[in-house]
Amino acid sequence: MHAMVRSYSGKGAKEFADLIENRKADVEKVLRSVKGLVSYAMVRSKDGAFSVSVWQDKAGIDEVHKKAMEWIKENASATKVGAPTVSEGSVILHLK
């Protein structure tokens, strides 16, 4: 499994979190279009939001990241949110 954390903070991040909350169904459709979903969560933080994505392999993480960035460009540009801080790697422990 492979995981990615994308953190959104700074200008427009709170507005971005609001938009994601209001457009959950659209975001879910994009995420579920990528093969290998294990889990996904978008979390509101004090300064914006962060997502935690887990896919079966790195190819899934790469594809979902690309699709997420495209969706943001097409649907969230008005928030003026900056590019996320991204961390990714192989999962060494996963609990359900």
Protein backbone atom coordinates (compact mmCIF):
# COMPACT_ATOMS: atom_id res chain seq x y z
CA MET A 1 0.00 0.00 0.00
CA HIS A 2 1.02 3.59 -0.59
CA ALA A 3 -0.19 6.73 1.22
CA MET A 4 -0.17 10.47 0.66
CA VAL A 5 -0.94 13.38 2.97
CA ARG A 6 -1.79 16.71 1.33
CA SER A 7 -1.93 19.73 3.65
CA TYR A 8 -3.67 22.96 2.66
CA SER A 9 -2.98 26.08 4.73
CA GLY A 10 -2.59 29.79 4.28
CA LYS A 11 -4.60 32.03 2.00
CA GLY A 12 -7.83 30.42 0.84
CA ALA A 13 -7.37 27.18 2.79
CA LYS A 14 -10.41 27.62 5.03
CA GLU A 15 -12.55 28.54 2.02
CA PHE A 16 -11.17 25.49 0.25
CA ALA A 17 -12.20 23.27 3.17
CA ASP A 18 -15.70 24.77 3.05
CA LEU A 19 -15.91 24.08 -0.68
CA ILE A 20 -14.82 20.46 -0.25
CA GLU A 21 -17.41 19.98 2.50
CA ASN A 22 -20.13 21.39 0.24
CA ARG A 23 -19.03 19.33 -2.78
CA LYS A 24 -18.42 15.97 -1.08
CA ALA A 25 -20.31 13.99 -3.71
CA ASP A 26 -18.25 15.49 -6.55
CA VAL A 27 -14.98 14.81 -4.74
CA GLU A 28 -16.02 11.24 -3.92
CA LYS A 29 -16.82 10.59 -7.58
CA VAL A 30 -13.30 11.67 -8.60
CA LEU A 31 -11.64 9.60 -5.89
CA ARG A 32 -13.63 6.46 -6.59
CA SER A 33 -12.73 6.69 -10.29
CA VAL A 34 -9.16 5.68 -9.41
CA LYS A 35 -8.56 1.94 -9.03
CA GLY A 36 -7.16 0.64 -5.75
CA LEU A 37 -8.75 2.89 -3.10
CA VAL A 38 -8.09 1.59 0.42
CA SER A 39 -9.16 4.67 2.40
CA TYR A 40 -9.47 8.44 2.13
CA ALA A 41 -10.20 11.19 4.62
CA MET A 42 -10.33 14.99 4.35
CA VAL A 43 -9.87 16.62 7.74
CA ARG A 44 -10.57 20.23 8.69
CA SER A 45 -7.68 21.73 10.63
CA LYS A 46 -7.30 25.03 12.47
CA ASP A 47 -5.63 26.62 9.44
CA GLY A 48 -7.32 24.81 6.55
CA ALA A 49 -7.49 21.09 5.84
CA PHE A 50 -5.46 17.99 5.12
CA SER A 51 -6.23 14.77 3.31
CA VAL A 52 -4.95 11.26 3.96
CA SER A 53 -5.12 8.95 0.93
CA VAL A 54 -4.27 5.25 0.97
CA TRP A 55 -4.23 3.27 -2.26
CA GLN A 56 -3.12 -0.26 -3.04
CA ASP A 57 -0.05 1.00 -4.92
CA LYS A 58 1.95 4.09 -5.86
CA ALA A 59 0.36 4.21 -9.31
CA GLY A 60 -3.03 4.78 -7.65
CA ILE A 61 -1.63 7.53 -5.42
CA ASP A 62 0.00 9.24 -8.41
CA GLU A 63 -3.22 9.08 -10.44
CA VAL A 64 -5.48 10.31 -7.64
CA HIS A 65 -3.10 13.18 -6.87
CA LYS A 66 -3.15 14.23 -10.52
CA LYS A 67 -6.96 14.04 -10.67
CA ALA A 68 -7.31 15.92 -7.37
CA MET A 69 -5.10 18.74 -8.60
CA GLU A 70 -7.08 18.93 -11.86
CA TRP A 71 -10.37 19.05 -9.90
CA ILE A 72 -9.02 21.83 -7.68
CA LYS A 73 -7.89 23.84 -10.71
CA GLU A 74 -11.30 23.45 -12.38
CA ASN A 75 -13.54 23.83 -9.31
CA ALA A 76 -11.69 25.57 -6.48
CA SER A 77 -9.55 28.24 -8.15
CA ALA A 78 -11.81 30.98 -6.73
CA THR A 79 -10.63 30.07 -3.22
CA LYS A 80 -7.07 31.04 -4.23
CA VAL A 81 -5.76 28.12 -2.17
CA GLY A 82 -2.08 27.44 -2.76
CA ALA A 83 -0.53 24.14 -3.73
CA PRO A 84 -0.60 21.62 -0.90
CA THR A 85 2.37 20.43 1.08
CA VAL A 86 2.67 16.77 0.10
CA SER A 87 4.16 13.80 1.94
CA GLU A 88 3.96 10.25 0.60
CA GLY A 89 5.41 6.82 1.09
CA SER A 90 4.89 3.11 1.54
CA VAL A 91 2.53 2.07 4.31
CA ILE A 92 4.30 0.10 7.04
CA LEU A 93 1.29 -0.33 9.37
CA HIS A 94 -2.40 -0.10 8.54
CA LEU A 95 -5.17 -0.78 11.07
CA LYS A 96 -8.90 -1.09 10.46
